[in-house]
Amino acid sequence: MKDKLGQDNVKTFREYPFSSGTAAEKPAGAESQYLLASSRVLRPAFLVLPEGRENRPPVREPGSTAAGPCLVRSEDWLRQGDTLFAAWLSSGDGPEADLALRRIYYRLRDEAAALLGSPDGEWAAVSLPAVPELASRPDRLAELQDILLEALFNALAEQQREGGDSRLDLLAPHPASAHEFAAAREFIETVAEQTLGHRFAAACHIGALIAPDIRPAAAEEIARIADFLVLDAGAADGDAPEESAADLVAAAEGILAAVRGVKPAAVVLAAGGRAAAALADLYRIGLNGIFCGADHRTEALLRAACLVWMDRHEGVDAPYGRL
């Protein structure tokens, strides 16, 4: 399973467009969609991708490729405008809790179908729920993550049966070590095998949503077994003061150096309002792109397009020549 997943990882992320999310035109002679083929410069493309299920772009034109996944934090699904999740959290154990959990499953399954369903197929990267209230109850958190995965995989299977081309990536939230990430990955794979069987390897990839304060050595070890990494810089549309954005860049630079030291082609993105505020510096150090919410997306697209244009037309080599 893991060998096949590793082979498919490159395939998935090569489907991203070359620009900052505004076009999907492939430069002549390029071998990988994460590389700009040029005698002067070799650097990853930089992507500006949506965060939040309500911020997905309109349905793309028939025949075009997906611009990349939309990042969805599953705890947002659970908390937004619904008392069912709060009731489950306070219900403890027993039949009442089991009934509430099944009702949450049915709601998540409907929302997952809406997220993934479209005539052209949709691409989503969904993080497993991170619920502080369950920090002392890993058994209940595992139950919640299990029903989320079951809902996602059943929705994906239904799309596939109908001939759709939906894509689903998954993120383990805030692992502190390679051991924690490996356990999360094994859990995801087990549920996927039970639900999707061999189709999982062709449709899903597993990454890590890592905190900026993670030790670079830990990020390095996680990167060895993760299909991609997303640096979590907070809420998509939250405030991003300049000083906190600077802290994010400093952390990202250390993490990226450690990760690329052992996995030069690793896909590393950032997510959240601070990532949008720090876009130019994240581009400079070589991140593959950012996820951001609607409040920051237009400005981020314009800034990224300017940076890409300058890189291609002004002959800037180092420090952008590293991968």
C-alpha atoms as a PDB file:
ATOM      1  CA  MET A   1       0.000   0.000   0.000  1.00  0.00           C
ATOM      2  CA  LYS A   2       2.626   2.541   1.002  1.00  0.00           C
ATOM      3  CA  ASP A   3       4.809   1.770  -2.021  1.00  0.00           C
ATOM      4  CA  LYS A   4       1.930   2.400  -4.370  1.00  0.00           C
ATOM      5  CA  LEU A   5       1.014   5.570  -2.506  1.00  0.00           C
ATOM      6  CA  GLY A   6       4.557   6.813  -2.854  1.00  0.00           C
ATOM      7  CA  GLN A   7       4.456   6.258  -6.624  1.00  0.00           C
ATOM      8  CA  ASP A   8       1.141   8.074  -6.923  1.00  0.00           C
ATOM      9  CA  ASN A   9       2.274  11.052  -4.849  1.00  0.00           C
ATOM     10  CA  VAL A  10       4.286  12.605  -7.660  1.00  0.00           C
ATOM     11  CA  LYS A  11       1.421  12.061 -10.083  1.00  0.00           C
ATOM     12  CA  THR A  12      -1.075  13.963  -7.954  1.00  0.00           C
ATOM     13  CA  PHE A  13       0.955  17.067  -7.346  1.00  0.00           C
ATOM     14  CA  ARG A  14       2.178  17.253 -10.940  1.00  0.00           C
ATOM     15  CA  GLU A  15      -1.378  18.127 -11.860  1.00  0.00           C
ATOM     16  CA  TYR A  16      -1.117  21.560 -10.269  1.00  0.00           C
ATOM     17  CA  PRO A  17      -0.895  24.428 -12.779  1.00  0.00           C
ATOM     18  CA  PHE A  18       2.312  26.285 -13.443  1.00  0.00           C
ATOM     19  CA  SER A  19       1.234  29.759 -12.441  1.00  0.00           C
ATOM     20  CA  SER A  20      -0.069  31.080  -9.161  1.00  0.00           C
ATOM     21  CA  GLY A  21      -3.461  29.516  -9.763  1.00  0.00           C
ATOM     22  CA  THR A  22      -4.514  31.779 -12.645  1.00  0.00           C
ATOM     23  CA  ALA A  23      -3.637  29.472 -15.554  1.00  0.00           C
ATOM     24  CA  ALA A  24      -2.656  25.887 -16.301  1.00  0.00           C
ATOM     25  CA  GLU A  25      -0.495  26.368 -19.340  1.00  0.00           C
ATOM     26  CA  LYS A  26       2.554  24.101 -19.400  1.00  0.00           C
ATOM     27  CA  PRO A  27       5.830  25.587 -20.666  1.00  0.00           C
ATOM     28  CA  ALA A  28       7.297  23.678 -23.580  1.00  0.00           C
ATOM     29  CA  GLY A  29       9.836  21.047 -22.614  1.00  0.00           C
ATOM     30  CA  ALA A  30       9.006  20.989 -18.914  1.00  0.00           C
ATOM     31  CA  GLU A  31       9.236  17.562 -17.325  1.00  0.00           C
ATOM     32  CA  SER A  32       7.493  18.280 -14.021  1.00  0.00           C
ATOM     33  CA  GLN A  33       4.746  20.757 -13.211  1.00  0.00           C
ATOM     34  CA  TYR A  34       6.615  21.732 -10.071  1.00  0.00           C
ATOM     35  CA  LEU A  35       9.679  22.792 -12.069  1.00  0.00           C
ATOM     36  CA  LEU A  36      10.198  25.659 -14.474  1.00  0.00           C
ATOM     37  CA  ALA A  37      12.365  24.271 -17.268  1.00  0.00           C
ATOM     38  CA  SER A  38      14.924  26.924 -18.079  1.00  0.00           C
ATOM     39  CA  SER A  39      18.639  27.198 -18.557  1.00  0.00           C
ATOM     40  CA  ARG A  40      18.621  30.055 -16.040  1.00  0.00           C
ATOM     41  CA  VAL A  41      16.302  29.008 -13.248  1.00  0.00           C
ATOM     42  CA  LEU A  42      14.882  25.862 -11.688  1.00  0.00           C
ATOM     43  CA  ARG A  43      12.352  26.494  -8.934  1.00  0.00           C
ATOM     44  CA  PRO A  44       8.928  25.203  -7.928  1.00  0.00           C
ATOM     45  CA  ALA A  45       5.818  26.865  -9.238  1.00  0.00           C
ATOM     46  CA  PHE A  46       4.016  28.861  -6.561  1.00  0.00           C
ATOM     47  CA  LEU A  47       0.326  28.150  -5.984  1.00  0.00           C
ATOM     48  CA  VAL A  48      -2.433  30.175  -4.361  1.00  0.00           C
ATOM     49  CA  LEU A  49      -5.163  27.721  -3.404  1.00  0.00           C
ATOM     50  CA  PRO A  50      -8.509  28.178  -1.624  1.00  0.00           C
ATOM     51  CA  GLU A  51      -9.092  27.376   2.028  1.00  0.00           C
ATOM     52  CA  GLY A  52     -12.590  26.741   3.358  1.00  0.00           C
ATOM     53  CA  ARG A  53     -15.321  24.715   1.693  1.00  0.00           C
ATOM     54  CA  GLU A  54     -17.295  27.891   0.952  1.00  0.00           C
ATOM     55  CA  ASN A  55     -14.298  29.379  -0.884  1.00  0.00           C
ATOM     56  CA  ARG A  56     -13.992  26.830  -3.669  1.00  0.00           C
ATOM     57  CA  PRO A  57     -13.658  28.398  -7.120  1.00  0.00           C
ATOM     58  CA  PRO A  58     -16.519  28.099  -9.653  1.00  0.00           C
ATOM     59  CA  VAL A  59     -16.773  24.899 -11.674  1.00  0.00           C
ATOM     60  CA  ARG A  60     -13.909  24.814 -14.157  1.00  0.00           C
ATOM     61  CA  GLU A  61     -14.339  24.567 -17.898  1.00  0.00           C
ATOM     62  CA  PRO A  62     -14.751  21.043 -19.339  1.00  0.00           C
ATOM     63  CA  GLY A  63     -11.425  19.486 -20.253  1.00  0.00           C
ATOM     64  CA  SER A  64      -9.328  21.713 -17.978  1.00  0.00           C
ATOM     65  CA  THR A  65      -7.385  20.323 -15.033  1.00  0.00           C
ATOM     66  CA  ALA A  66      -8.026  21.061 -11.374  1.00  0.00           C
ATOM     67  CA  ALA A  67      -6.047  24.045 -10.133  1.00  0.00           C
ATOM     68  CA  GLY A  68      -5.283  22.138  -6.940  1.00  0.00           C
ATOM     69  CA  PRO A  69      -7.142  21.109  -3.822  1.00  0.00           C
ATOM     70  CA  CYS A  70      -9.270  23.250  -1.562  1.00  0.00           C
ATOM     71  CA  LEU A  71      -8.177  22.917   2.082  1.00  0.00           C
ATOM     72  CA  VAL A  72     -11.020  22.051   4.448  1.00  0.00           C
ATOM     73  CA  ARG A  73     -10.542  21.847   8.205  1.00  0.00           C
ATOM     74  CA  SER A  74     -13.002  19.204   9.349  1.00  0.00           C
ATOM     75  CA  GLU A  75     -13.569  20.787  12.755  1.00  0.00           C
ATOM     76  CA  ASP A  76     -15.212  23.654  10.861  1.00  0.00           C
ATOM     77  CA  TRP A  77     -17.749  21.186   9.499  1.00  0.00           C
ATOM     78  CA  LEU A  78     -18.454  19.958  12.997  1.00  0.00           C
ATOM     79  CA  ARG A  79     -18.849  23.326  14.702  1.00  0.00           C
ATOM     80  CA  GLN A  80     -20.490  25.622  12.170  1.00  0.00           C
ATOM     81  CA  GLY A  81     -24.122  26.292  13.028  1.00  0.00           C
ATOM     82  CA  ASP A  82     -24.903  22.853  14.402  1.00  0.00           C
ATOM     83  CA  THR A  83     -25.750  21.866  17.980  1.00  0.00           C
ATOM     84  CA  LEU A  84     -25.414  18.148  17.229  1.00  0.00           C
ATOM     85  CA  PHE A  85     -21.645  18.101  17.707  1.00  0.00           C
ATOM     86  CA  ALA A  86     -21.857  20.060  20.969  1.00  0.00           C
ATOM     87  CA  ALA A  87     -24.501  17.614  22.200  1.00  0.00           C
ATOM     88  CA  TRP A  88     -22.241  14.672  21.368  1.00  0.00           C
ATOM     89  CA  LEU A  89     -19.292  16.247  23.170  1.00  0.00           C
ATOM     90  CA  SER A  90     -21.362  16.630  26.338  1.00  0.00           C
ATOM     91  CA  SER A  91     -23.140  13.274  26.126  1.00  0.00           C
ATOM     92  CA  GLY A  92     -20.331  11.102  27.490  1.00  0.00           C
ATOM     93  CA  ASP A  93     -20.524   7.398  26.649  1.00  0.00           C
ATOM     94  CA  GLY A  94     -23.495   5.135  26.036  1.00  0.00           C
ATOM     95  CA  PRO A  95     -26.388   4.721  23.575  1.00  0.00           C
ATOM     96  CA  GLU A  96     -27.197   8.437  23.475  1.00  0.00           C
ATOM     97  CA  ALA A  97     -23.657   9.268  22.391  1.00  0.00           C
ATOM     98  CA  ASP A  98     -23.659   6.479  19.798  1.00  0.00           C
ATOM     99  CA  LEU A  99     -26.908   7.780  18.297  1.00  0.00           C
ATOM    100  CA  ALA A 100     -25.565  11.340  18.135  1.00  0.00           C
ATOM    101  CA  LEU A 101     -22.380  10.097  16.462  1.00  0.00           C
ATOM    102  CA  ARG A 102     -24.349   8.260  13.750  1.00  0.00           C
ATOM    103  CA  ARG A 103     -26.356  11.433  13.109  1.00  0.00           C
ATOM    104  CA  ILE A 104     -23.104  13.358  12.755  1.00  0.00           C
ATOM    105  CA  TYR A 105     -21.952  10.719  10.266  1.00  0.00           C
ATOM    106  CA  TYR A 106     -25.017  11.156   8.053  1.00  0.00           C
ATOM    107  CA  ARG A 107     -24.621  14.925   8.056  1.00  0.00           C
ATOM    108  CA  LEU A 108     -20.904  14.663   7.226  1.00  0.00           C
ATOM    109  CA  ARG A 109     -21.638  12.204   4.435  1.00  0.00           C
ATOM    110  CA  ASP A 110     -24.070  14.647   2.820  1.00  0.00           C
ATOM    111  CA  GLU A 111     -21.579  17.495   3.171  1.00  0.00           C
ATOM    112  CA  ALA A 112     -18.749  15.358   1.787  1.00  0.00           C
ATOM    113  CA  ALA A 113     -20.883  14.483  -1.230  1.00  0.00           C
ATOM    114  CA  ALA A 114     -21.541  18.186  -1.814  1.00  0.00           C
ATOM    115  CA  LEU A 115     -17.845  18.981  -1.374  1.00  0.00           C
ATOM    116  CA  LEU A 116     -16.648  16.352  -3.844  1.00  0.00           C
ATOM    117  CA  GLY A 117     -19.555  16.320  -6.234  1.00  0.00           C
ATOM    118  CA  SER A 118     -19.575  18.268  -9.478  1.00  0.00           C
ATOM    119  CA  PRO A 119     -19.824  17.379 -13.177  1.00  0.00           C
ATOM    120  CA  ASP A 120     -16.059  17.848 -13.539  1.00  0.00           C
ATOM    121  CA  GLY A 121     -15.013  16.441 -10.186  1.00  0.00           C
ATOM    122  CA  GLU A 122     -13.593  18.329  -7.228  1.00  0.00           C
ATOM    123  CA  TRP A 123     -10.301  18.094  -5.371  1.00  0.00           C
ATOM    124  CA  ALA A 124     -10.220  18.560  -1.601  1.00  0.00           C
ATOM    125  CA  ALA A 125      -7.551  18.266   1.078  1.00  0.00           C
ATOM    126  CA  VAL A 126      -9.335  17.553   4.365  1.00  0.00           C
ATOM    127  CA  SER A 127      -7.684  17.606   7.769  1.00  0.00           C
ATOM    128  CA  LEU A 128      -8.820  15.177  10.423  1.00  0.00           C
ATOM    129  CA  PRO A 129     -10.583  16.940  13.292  1.00  0.00           C
ATOM    130  CA  ALA A 130      -8.434  18.526  15.980  1.00  0.00           C
ATOM    131  CA  VAL A 131     -10.692  18.899  19.019  1.00  0.00           C
ATOM    132  CA  PRO A 132      -9.091  20.329  22.195  1.00  0.00           C
ATOM    133  CA  GLU A 133     -12.067  19.168  24.267  1.00  0.00           C
ATOM    134  CA  LEU A 134     -11.078  15.565  23.528  1.00  0.00           C
ATOM    135  CA  ALA A 135      -7.395  15.897  24.418  1.00  0.00           C
ATOM    136  CA  SER A 136      -7.908  13.614  27.411  1.00  0.00           C
ATOM    137  CA  ARG A 137     -10.180  11.189  25.513  1.00  0.00           C
ATOM    138  CA  PRO A 138      -8.203   9.754  22.578  1.00  0.00           C
ATOM    139  CA  ASP A 139     -10.763   6.947  22.300  1.00  0.00           C
ATOM    140  CA  ARG A 140     -13.594   9.399  21.567  1.00  0.00           C
ATOM    141  CA  LEU A 141     -11.392  11.410  19.192  1.00  0.00           C
ATOM    142  CA  ALA A 142     -10.623   8.185  17.286  1.00  0.00           C
ATOM    143  CA  GLU A 143     -14.372   7.493  17.016  1.00  0.00           C
ATOM    144  CA  LEU A 144     -14.958  10.960  15.602  1.00  0.00           C
ATOM    145  CA  GLN A 145     -12.112  10.673  13.108  1.00  0.00           C
ATOM    146  CA  ASP A 146     -13.349   7.237  12.076  1.00  0.00           C
ATOM    147  CA  ILE A 147     -16.841   8.444  11.189  1.00  0.00           C
ATOM    148  CA  LEU A 148     -15.394  11.453   9.326  1.00  0.00           C
ATOM    149  CA  LEU A 149     -13.191   9.175   7.215  1.00  0.00           C
ATOM    150  CA  GLU A 150     -16.067   6.770   6.624  1.00  0.00           C
ATOM    151  CA  ALA A 151     -18.246   9.661   5.435  1.00  0.00           C
ATOM    152  CA  LEU A 152     -15.536  11.008   3.117  1.00  0.00           C
ATOM    153  CA  PHE A 153     -14.640   7.639   1.636  1.00  0.00           C
ATOM    154  CA  ASN A 154     -18.264   6.621   1.083  1.00  0.00           C
ATOM    155  CA  ALA A 155     -18.924   9.937  -0.676  1.00  0.00           C
ATOM    156  CA  LEU A 156     -15.808   9.426  -2.792  1.00  0.00           C
ATOM    157  CA  ALA A 157     -16.810   5.851  -3.638  1.00  0.00           C
ATOM    158  CA  GLU A 158     -20.258   7.039  -4.733  1.00  0.00           C
ATOM    159  CA  GLN A 159     -18.684   9.667  -6.988  1.00  0.00           C
ATOM    160  CA  GLN A 160     -16.417   7.041  -8.530  1.00  0.00           C
ATOM    161  CA  ARG A 161     -19.341   4.665  -9.148  1.00  0.00           C
ATOM    162  CA  GLU A 162     -21.081   7.484 -11.014  1.00  0.00           C
ATOM    163  CA  GLY A 163     -18.011   8.032 -13.183  1.00  0.00           C
ATOM    164  CA  GLY A 164     -16.797  11.175 -11.437  1.00  0.00           C
ATOM    165  CA  ASP A 165     -13.182  12.272 -11.123  1.00  0.00           C
ATOM    166  CA  SER A 166     -13.247  13.524  -7.540  1.00  0.00           C
ATOM    167  CA  ARG A 167      -9.958  13.624  -5.667  1.00  0.00           C
ATOM    168  CA  LEU A 168      -9.345  13.512  -1.948  1.00  0.00           C
ATOM    169  CA  ASP A 169      -6.188  14.154   0.066  1.00  0.00           C
ATOM    170  CA  LEU A 170      -6.070  13.836   3.834  1.00  0.00           C
ATOM    171  CA  LEU A 171      -4.058  15.600   6.514  1.00  0.00           C
ATOM    172  CA  ALA A 172      -3.096  14.363   9.965  1.00  0.00           C
ATOM    173  CA  PRO A 173      -3.452  17.390  12.295  1.00  0.00           C
ATOM    174  CA  HIS A 174      -0.379  18.611  14.160  1.00  0.00           C
ATOM    175  CA  PRO A 175       1.707  15.445  14.621  1.00  0.00           C
ATOM    176  CA  ALA A 176       4.655  16.176  16.908  1.00  0.00           C
ATOM    177  CA  SER A 177       6.795  13.293  15.672  1.00  0.00           C
ATOM    178  CA  ALA A 178       7.175  10.777  12.880  1.00  0.00           C
ATOM    179  CA  HIS A 179       5.745   8.147  15.238  1.00  0.00           C
ATOM    180  CA  GLU A 180       2.530  10.153  15.708  1.00  0.00           C
ATOM    181  CA  PHE A 181       2.205  10.758  11.978  1.00  0.00           C
ATOM    182  CA  ALA A 182       2.838   7.090  11.154  1.00  0.00           C
ATOM    183  CA  ALA A 183       0.079   6.063  13.565  1.00  0.00           C
ATOM    184  CA  ALA A 184      -2.331   8.569  11.976  1.00  0.00           C
ATOM    185  CA  ARG A 185      -1.418   7.385   8.494  1.00  0.00           C
ATOM    186  CA  GLU A 186      -1.962   3.756   9.420  1.00  0.00           C
ATOM    187  CA  PHE A 187      -5.360   4.645  10.883  1.00  0.00           C
ATOM    188  CA  ILE A 188      -6.399   6.478   7.701  1.00  0.00           C
ATOM    189  CA  GLU A 189      -5.183   3.639   5.490  1.00  0.00           C
ATOM    190  CA  THR A 190      -7.047   1.041   7.545  1.00  0.00           C
ATOM    191  CA  VAL A 191     -10.371   2.877   7.255  1.00  0.00           C
ATOM    192  CA  ALA A 192      -9.740   3.493   3.549  1.00  0.00           C
ATOM    193  CA  GLU A 193      -9.001  -0.169   2.864  1.00  0.00           C
ATOM    194  CA  GLN A 194     -12.213  -1.165   4.597  1.00  0.00           C
ATOM    195  CA  THR A 195     -14.205   1.405   2.606  1.00  0.00           C
ATOM    196  CA  LEU A 196     -12.515   1.865  -0.761  1.00  0.00           C
ATOM    197  CA  GLY A 197     -10.211  -1.123  -1.085  1.00  0.00           C
ATOM    198  CA  HIS A 198      -7.489  -0.798  -3.714  1.00  0.00           C
ATOM    199  CA  ARG A 199      -9.117   2.354  -5.166  1.00  0.00           C
ATOM    200  CA  PHE A 200      -7.725   4.324  -2.230  1.00  0.00           C
ATOM    201  CA  ALA A 201      -4.176   4.204  -3.627  1.00  0.00           C
ATOM    202  CA  ALA A 202      -5.259   5.908  -6.831  1.00  0.00           C
ATOM    203  CA  ALA A 203      -7.483   8.535  -5.250  1.00  0.00           C
ATOM    204  CA  CYS A 204      -6.036   9.624  -1.888  1.00  0.00           C
ATOM    205  CA  HIS A 205      -2.773  10.975  -0.535  1.00  0.00           C
ATOM    206  CA  ILE A 206      -1.851  11.548   3.065  1.00  0.00           C
ATOM    207  CA  GLY A 207      -0.002  14.587   4.362  1.00  0.00           C
ATOM    208  CA  ALA A 208       0.658  16.328   7.648  1.00  0.00           C
ATOM    209  CA  LEU A 209      -0.726  19.644   8.865  1.00  0.00           C
ATOM    210  CA  ILE A 210       2.209  20.763  11.012  1.00  0.00           C
ATOM    211  CA  ALA A 211       2.458  23.553  13.576  1.00  0.00           C
ATOM    212  CA  PRO A 212       5.018  26.341  12.968  1.00  0.00           C
ATOM    213  CA  ASP A 213       6.678  25.595  16.310  1.00  0.00           C
ATOM    214  CA  ILE A 214       7.438  21.981  15.412  1.00  0.00           C
ATOM    215  CA  ARG A 215      11.107  21.079  15.717  1.00  0.00           C
ATOM    216  CA  PRO A 216      12.764  21.063  12.258  1.00  0.00           C
ATOM    217  CA  ALA A 217      14.199  17.619  13.040  1.00  0.00           C
ATOM    218  CA  ALA A 218      10.679  16.295  13.701  1.00  0.00           C
ATOM    219  CA  ALA A 219       9.374  17.887  10.486  1.00  0.00           C
ATOM    220  CA  GLU A 220      12.242  16.238   8.628  1.00  0.00           C
ATOM    221  CA  GLU A 221      11.300  12.788   9.928  1.00  0.00           C
ATOM    222  CA  ILE A 222       7.605  13.328   9.179  1.00  0.00           C
ATOM    223  CA  ALA A 223       8.460  14.431   5.631  1.00  0.00           C
ATOM    224  CA  ARG A 224      10.178  11.107   4.977  1.00  0.00           C
ATOM    225  CA  ILE A 225       6.845   9.267   5.190  1.00  0.00           C
ATOM    226  CA  ALA A 226       4.324  12.011   4.312  1.00  0.00           C
ATOM    227  CA  ASP A 227       3.115  12.682   0.780  1.00  0.00           C
ATOM    228  CA  PHE A 228       3.087  16.442   1.432  1.00  0.00           C
ATOM    229  CA  LEU A 229       3.281  18.973   4.269  1.00  0.00           C
ATOM    230  CA  VAL A 230       1.125  21.992   5.094  1.00  0.00           C
ATOM    231  CA  LEU A 231       2.445  24.525   7.609  1.00  0.00           C
ATOM    232  CA  ASP A 232      -0.552  25.648   9.677  1.00  0.00           C
ATOM    233  CA  ALA A 233      -0.500  29.428  10.087  1.00  0.00           C
ATOM    234  CA  GLY A 234      -3.917  29.763  11.691  1.00  0.00           C
ATOM    235  CA  ALA A 235      -7.414  30.568  10.518  1.00  0.00           C
ATOM    236  CA  ALA A 236      -7.847  31.238   6.817  1.00  0.00           C
ATOM    237  CA  ASP A 237      -9.271  34.727   7.213  1.00  0.00           C
ATOM    238  CA  GLY A 238      -7.784  35.659  10.570  1.00  0.00           C
ATOM    239  CA  ASP A 239      -5.708  38.738  11.298  1.00  0.00           C
ATOM    240  CA  ALA A 240      -2.074  38.512  10.255  1.00  0.00           C
ATOM    241  CA  PRO A 241       0.016  41.203  11.967  1.00  0.00           C
ATOM    242  CA  GLU A 242       3.374  41.861  10.391  1.00  0.00           C
ATOM    243  CA  GLU A 243       5.378  40.598  13.351  1.00  0.00           C
ATOM    244  CA  SER A 244       3.583  37.229  13.476  1.00  0.00           C
ATOM    245  CA  ALA A 245       4.024  36.837   9.718  1.00  0.00           C
ATOM    246  CA  ALA A 246       7.754  37.406  10.213  1.00  0.00           C
ATOM    247  CA  ASP A 247       7.805  34.712  12.906  1.00  0.00           C
ATOM    248  CA  LEU A 248       6.073  32.362  10.491  1.00  0.00           C
ATOM    249  CA  VAL A 249       8.698  32.962   7.794  1.00  0.00           C
ATOM    250  CA  ALA A 250      11.546  32.302  10.219  1.00  0.00           C
ATOM    251  CA  ALA A 251       9.927  29.037  11.317  1.00  0.00           C
ATOM    252  CA  ALA A 252       9.119  28.037   7.741  1.00  0.00           C
ATOM    253  CA  GLU A 253      12.686  28.637   6.609  1.00  0.00           C
ATOM    254  CA  GLY A 254      14.095  26.301   9.256  1.00  0.00           C
ATOM    255  CA  ILE A 255      11.486  23.630   8.575  1.00  0.00           C
ATOM    256  CA  LEU A 256      11.927  23.852   4.813  1.00  0.00           C
ATOM    257  CA  ALA A 257      15.721  23.573   5.026  1.00  0.00           C
ATOM    258  CA  ALA A 258      15.434  20.441   7.173  1.00  0.00           C
ATOM    259  CA  VAL A 259      12.769  18.835   4.967  1.00  0.00           C
ATOM    260  CA  ARG A 260      14.424  19.570   1.638  1.00  0.00           C
ATOM    261  CA  GLY A 261      17.722  18.320   3.057  1.00  0.00           C
ATOM    262  CA  VAL A 262      16.331  14.770   3.122  1.00  0.00           C
ATOM    263  CA  LYS A 263      13.612  15.062   0.464  1.00  0.00           C
ATOM    264  CA  PRO A 264      14.557  17.677  -2.169  1.00  0.00           C
ATOM    265  CA  ALA A 265      11.287  17.379  -4.100  1.00  0.00           C
ATOM    266  CA  ALA A 266       9.039  17.524  -1.018  1.00  0.00           C
ATOM    267  CA  VAL A 267       5.810  19.466  -1.491  1.00  0.00           C
ATOM    268  CA  VAL A 268       5.542  22.033   1.312  1.00  0.00           C
ATOM    269  CA  LEU A 269       2.735  24.594   1.489  1.00  0.00           C
ATOM    270  CA  ALA A 270       1.425  26.975   4.152  1.00  0.00           C
ATOM    271  CA  ALA A 271      -2.148  27.766   5.161  1.00  0.00           C
ATOM    272  CA  GLY A 272      -3.916  30.617   6.905  1.00  0.00           C
ATOM    273  CA  GLY A 273      -4.067  34.380   7.132  1.00  0.00           C
ATOM    274  CA  ARG A 274      -0.449  34.762   8.229  1.00  0.00           C
ATOM    275  CA  ALA A 275       0.658  32.744   5.194  1.00  0.00           C
ATOM    276  CA  ALA A 276      -1.110  35.183   2.883  1.00  0.00           C
ATOM    277  CA  ALA A 277       0.527  38.137   4.651  1.00  0.00           C
ATOM    278  CA  ALA A 278       3.959  36.520   4.322  1.00  0.00           C
ATOM    279  CA  LEU A 279       3.471  35.397   0.720  1.00  0.00           C
ATOM    280  CA  ALA A 280       6.489  37.204  -0.779  1.00  0.00           C
ATOM    281  CA  ASP A 281       8.892  35.789   1.803  1.00  0.00           C
ATOM    282  CA  LEU A 282       7.421  32.297   1.558  1.00  0.00           C
ATOM    283  CA  TYR A 283       7.904  32.513  -2.200  1.00  0.00           C
ATOM    284  CA  ARG A 284      11.482  33.682  -1.697  1.00  0.00           C
ATOM    285  CA  ILE A 285      12.468  30.749   0.518  1.00  0.00           C
ATOM    286  CA  GLY A 286      10.973  28.226  -1.895  1.00  0.00           C
ATOM    287  CA  LEU A 287       7.611  27.042  -0.557  1.00  0.00           C
ATOM    288  CA  ASN A 288       5.327  25.492  -3.145  1.00  0.00           C
ATOM    289  CA  GLY A 289       2.411  27.780  -2.313  1.00  0.00           C
ATOM    290  CA  ILE A 290      -0.279  28.739   0.178  1.00  0.00           C
ATOM    291  CA  PHE A 291      -3.898  28.038   1.016  1.00  0.00           C
ATOM    292  CA  CYS A 292      -5.857  31.161   1.944  1.00  0.00           C
ATOM    293  CA  GLY A 293      -9.418  32.286   2.545  1.00  0.00           C
ATOM    294  CA  ALA A 294     -11.579  34.604   0.500  1.00  0.00           C
ATOM    295  CA  ASP A 295     -10.514  37.711   2.439  1.00  0.00           C
ATOM    296  CA  HIS A 296      -6.919  37.341   1.231  1.00  0.00           C
ATOM    297  CA  ARG A 297      -7.238  35.382  -2.004  1.00  0.00           C
ATOM    298  CA  THR A 298      -7.509  38.164  -4.608  1.00  0.00           C
ATOM    299  CA  GLU A 299      -4.543  40.097  -3.230  1.00  0.00           C
ATOM    300  CA  ALA A 300      -2.521  36.890  -2.855  1.00  0.00           C
ATOM    301  CA  LEU A 301      -3.181  35.884  -6.465  1.00  0.00           C
ATOM    302  CA  LEU A 302      -2.045  39.282  -7.727  1.00  0.00           C
ATOM    303  CA  ARG A 303       1.091  39.311  -5.593  1.00  0.00           C
ATOM    304  CA  ALA A 304       2.008  35.757  -6.585  1.00  0.00           C
ATOM    305  CA  ALA A 305       1.437  36.494 -10.269  1.00  0.00           C
ATOM    306  CA  CYS A 306       3.780  39.504 -10.008  1.00  0.00           C
ATOM    307  CA  LEU A 307       6.473  37.450  -8.308  1.00  0.00           C
ATOM    308  CA  VAL A 308       6.243  34.673 -10.904  1.00  0.00           C
ATOM    309  CA  TRP A 309       6.353  37.208 -13.748  1.00  0.00           C
ATOM    310  CA  MET A 310       9.418  38.901 -12.290  1.00  0.00           C
ATOM    311  CA  ASP A 311      11.130  35.554 -11.812  1.00  0.00           C
ATOM    312  CA  ARG A 312      10.515  34.544 -15.411  1.00  0.00           C
ATOM    313  CA  HIS A 313      11.312  37.842 -17.074  1.00  0.00           C
ATOM    314  CA  GLU A 314      14.054  39.416 -15.019  1.00  0.00           C
ATOM    315  CA  GLY A 315      16.467  36.480 -14.942  1.00  0.00           C
ATOM    316  CA  VAL A 316      16.678  36.169 -11.163  1.00  0.00           C
ATOM    317  CA  ASP A 317      18.732  33.082 -10.349  1.00  0.00           C
ATOM    318  CA  ALA A 318      19.822  32.441  -6.740  1.00  0.00           C
ATOM    319  CA  PRO A 319      18.310  31.999  -4.244  1.00  0.00           C
ATOM    320  CA  TYR A 320      15.393  30.663  -6.298  1.00  0.00           C
ATOM    321  CA  GLY A 321      17.383  27.931  -7.990  1.00  0.00           C
ATOM    322  CA  ARG A 322      17.035  25.419  -5.216  1.00  0.00           C
ATOM    323  CA  LEU A 323      14.494  22.658  -4.890  1.00  0.00           C
END
